Amino acid sequence: MTARALRSTAQRIQTLQAEAKDLENEILALVRQLAPDLLDLLDVGPITAAQVLVSWSHPGRFR
C-alpha cells in the first residue's frame, strides 16, 4: 500500500507540475501583451511581472 500511495502521489505531482507550467505560459503570453518591458528587468519572470501588473492601479503608486 505504501508503494501504491507513493506512486499515486508522484503521478499527482507530475500532473500539477504540468498544469502549473501551462498556467505560467498563459501568464507569460498575457504579460508579453501588456508590459513586455517588465520581462527585460533582471530577475523578473512572468509571475513577478503579473503580480506587478495586478498590484499597479495608477501612475505614481510605485516609484
N, C-alpha and C. Protein backbone atom coordinates (compact mmCIF):
# COMPACT_ATOMS: atom_id res chain seq x y z
N MET A 1 0.81 -1.20 0.00
CA MET A 1 0.00 0.00 0.00
C MET A 1 0.85 1.26 0.00
N THR A 2 1.99 1.21 0.67
CA THR A 2 2.87 2.37 0.70
C THR A 2 3.36 2.70 -0.70
N ALA A 3 3.78 1.68 -1.44
CA ALA A 3 4.27 1.91 -2.80
C ALA A 3 3.15 2.48 -3.68
N ARG A 4 1.94 1.98 -3.50
CA ARG A 4 0.81 2.48 -4.29
C ARG A 4 0.52 3.93 -3.95
N ALA A 5 0.57 4.27 -2.69
CA ALA A 5 0.33 5.66 -2.26
C ALA A 5 1.41 6.58 -2.80
N LEU A 6 2.66 6.14 -2.76
CA LEU A 6 3.76 6.95 -3.29
C LEU A 6 3.63 7.14 -4.79
N ARG A 7 3.27 6.09 -5.49
CA ARG A 7 3.10 6.16 -6.94
C ARG A 7 1.97 7.14 -7.28
N SER A 8 0.87 7.05 -6.55
CA SER A 8 -0.27 7.93 -6.77
C SER A 8 0.13 9.39 -6.50
N THR A 9 0.86 9.60 -5.43
CA THR A 9 1.32 10.95 -5.09
C THR A 9 2.25 11.49 -6.16
N ALA A 10 3.16 10.66 -6.65
CA ALA A 10 4.09 11.09 -7.69
C ALA A 10 3.35 11.45 -8.98
N GLN A 11 2.33 10.68 -9.33
CA GLN A 11 1.55 10.99 -10.52
C GLN A 11 0.81 12.31 -10.36
N ARG A 12 0.28 12.53 -9.18
CA ARG A 12 -0.43 13.79 -8.92
C ARG A 12 0.53 14.98 -9.00
N ILE A 13 1.72 14.81 -8.46
CA ILE A 13 2.73 15.87 -8.53
C ILE A 13 3.06 16.19 -9.97
N GLN A 14 3.25 15.18 -10.79
CA GLN A 14 3.57 15.40 -12.20
C GLN A 14 2.42 16.13 -12.91
N THR A 15 1.20 15.75 -12.60
CA THR A 15 0.04 16.40 -13.20
C THR A 15 -0.02 17.87 -12.79
N LEU A 16 0.19 18.13 -11.52
CA LEU A 16 0.14 19.51 -11.02
C LEU A 16 1.28 20.35 -11.59
N GLN A 17 2.46 19.77 -11.73
CA GLN A 17 3.59 20.50 -12.32
C GLN A 17 3.30 20.86 -13.77
N ALA A 18 2.71 19.95 -14.52
CA ALA A 18 2.36 20.23 -15.91
C ALA A 18 1.30 21.33 -15.98
N GLU A 19 0.32 21.27 -15.09
CA GLU A 19 -0.73 22.30 -15.06
C GLU A 19 -0.14 23.66 -14.69
N ALA A 20 0.76 23.69 -13.73
CA ALA A 20 1.41 24.94 -13.33
C ALA A 20 2.22 25.53 -14.48
N LYS A 21 2.91 24.68 -15.22
CA LYS A 21 3.70 25.15 -16.36
C LYS A 21 2.80 25.73 -17.44
N ASP A 22 1.67 25.08 -17.70
CA ASP A 22 0.71 25.60 -18.68
C ASP A 22 0.17 26.96 -18.26
N LEU A 23 -0.17 27.09 -16.99
CA LEU A 23 -0.68 28.37 -16.48
C LEU A 23 0.38 29.46 -16.54
N GLU A 24 1.61 29.10 -16.23
CA GLU A 24 2.70 30.08 -16.31
C GLU A 24 2.91 30.55 -17.75
N ASN A 25 2.77 29.64 -18.70
CA ASN A 25 2.89 30.02 -20.12
C ASN A 25 1.76 30.96 -20.53
N GLU A 26 0.56 30.73 -20.02
CA GLU A 26 -0.55 31.64 -20.30
C GLU A 26 -0.30 33.02 -19.70
N ILE A 27 0.21 33.03 -18.48
CA ILE A 27 0.54 34.30 -17.82
C ILE A 27 1.63 35.02 -18.60
N LEU A 28 2.62 34.29 -19.05
CA LEU A 28 3.71 34.88 -19.84
C LEU A 28 3.16 35.54 -21.10
N ALA A 29 2.25 34.89 -21.79
CA ALA A 29 1.66 35.46 -23.00
C ALA A 29 0.91 36.76 -22.69
N LEU A 30 0.18 36.78 -21.58
CA LEU A 30 -0.55 37.98 -21.19
C LEU A 30 0.39 39.12 -20.83
N VAL A 31 1.44 38.81 -20.09
CA VAL A 31 2.41 39.84 -19.71
C VAL A 31 3.10 40.39 -20.95
N ARG A 32 3.44 39.52 -21.89
CA ARG A 32 4.08 39.99 -23.13
C ARG A 32 3.18 40.95 -23.90
N GLN A 33 1.87 40.77 -23.81
CA GLN A 33 0.94 41.68 -24.47
C GLN A 33 0.84 43.02 -23.75
N LEU A 34 0.79 42.97 -22.43
CA LEU A 34 0.52 44.17 -21.64
C LEU A 34 1.76 44.98 -21.31
N ALA A 35 2.84 44.32 -20.96
CA ALA A 35 4.04 45.05 -20.50
C ALA A 35 5.29 44.22 -20.75
N PRO A 36 5.66 44.06 -22.01
CA PRO A 36 6.82 43.21 -22.32
C PRO A 36 8.14 43.72 -21.72
N ASP A 37 8.22 45.03 -21.47
CA ASP A 37 9.45 45.59 -20.89
C ASP A 37 9.73 45.06 -19.49
N LEU A 38 8.69 44.69 -18.76
CA LEU A 38 8.90 44.15 -17.41
C LEU A 38 9.76 42.89 -17.45
N LEU A 39 9.57 42.09 -18.48
CA LEU A 39 10.30 40.83 -18.57
C LEU A 39 11.78 41.03 -18.87
N ASP A 40 12.14 42.24 -19.31
CA ASP A 40 13.55 42.55 -19.59
C ASP A 40 14.33 42.90 -18.32
N LEU A 41 13.61 43.18 -17.24
CA LEU A 41 14.26 43.54 -15.99
C LEU A 41 14.91 42.31 -15.34
N LEU A 42 16.02 42.54 -14.67
CA LEU A 42 16.75 41.47 -14.01
C LEU A 42 15.89 40.77 -12.96
N ASP A 43 15.84 39.46 -13.01
CA ASP A 43 15.12 38.62 -12.04
C ASP A 43 13.61 38.81 -12.04
N VAL A 44 13.05 39.34 -13.11
CA VAL A 44 11.60 39.47 -13.22
C VAL A 44 11.11 38.46 -14.24
N GLY A 45 10.38 37.48 -13.74
CA GLY A 45 9.79 36.47 -14.61
C GLY A 45 8.31 36.74 -14.79
N PRO A 46 7.62 35.84 -15.43
CA PRO A 46 6.21 36.07 -15.71
C PRO A 46 5.33 36.20 -14.47
N ILE A 47 5.63 35.46 -13.43
CA ILE A 47 4.80 35.53 -12.21
C ILE A 47 5.00 36.86 -11.51
N THR A 48 6.24 37.28 -11.37
CA THR A 48 6.53 38.57 -10.73
C THR A 48 5.95 39.72 -11.54
N ALA A 49 6.13 39.66 -12.85
CA ALA A 49 5.59 40.71 -13.71
C ALA A 49 4.07 40.77 -13.62
N ALA A 50 3.43 39.63 -13.58
CA ALA A 50 1.97 39.60 -13.46
C ALA A 50 1.52 40.20 -12.13
N GLN A 51 2.25 39.91 -11.07
CA GLN A 51 1.90 40.48 -9.76
C GLN A 51 2.05 41.98 -9.76
N VAL A 52 3.09 42.49 -10.41
CA VAL A 52 3.28 43.95 -10.53
C VAL A 52 2.10 44.55 -11.28
N LEU A 53 1.71 43.92 -12.38
CA LEU A 53 0.59 44.44 -13.16
C LEU A 53 -0.72 44.43 -12.37
N VAL A 54 -0.93 43.39 -11.60
CA VAL A 54 -2.15 43.30 -10.80
C VAL A 54 -2.14 44.33 -9.67
N SER A 55 -0.99 44.57 -9.08
CA SER A 55 -0.89 45.48 -7.95
C SER A 55 -0.88 46.95 -8.36
N TRP A 56 -0.47 47.22 -9.59
CA TRP A 56 -0.35 48.60 -10.06
C TRP A 56 -1.72 49.10 -10.47
N SER A 57 -2.22 50.12 -9.78
CA SER A 57 -3.56 50.60 -10.10
C SER A 57 -3.55 51.94 -10.83
N HIS A 58 -2.48 52.71 -10.67
CA HIS A 58 -2.44 54.02 -11.31
C HIS A 58 -1.00 54.53 -11.33
N PRO A 59 -0.69 55.44 -12.26
CA PRO A 59 0.65 56.03 -12.27
C PRO A 59 0.95 56.72 -10.94
N GLY A 60 2.13 56.52 -10.43
CA GLY A 60 2.52 57.14 -9.19
C GLY A 60 2.39 56.23 -7.99
N ARG A 61 1.71 55.10 -8.13
CA ARG A 61 1.56 54.20 -6.99
C ARG A 61 2.92 53.59 -6.62
N PHE A 62 3.70 53.25 -7.62
CA PHE A 62 5.05 52.73 -7.39
C PHE A 62 6.05 53.73 -7.88
N ARG A 63 7.14 53.87 -7.17
CA ARG A 63 8.20 54.78 -7.59
C ARG A 63 9.13 54.09 -8.53
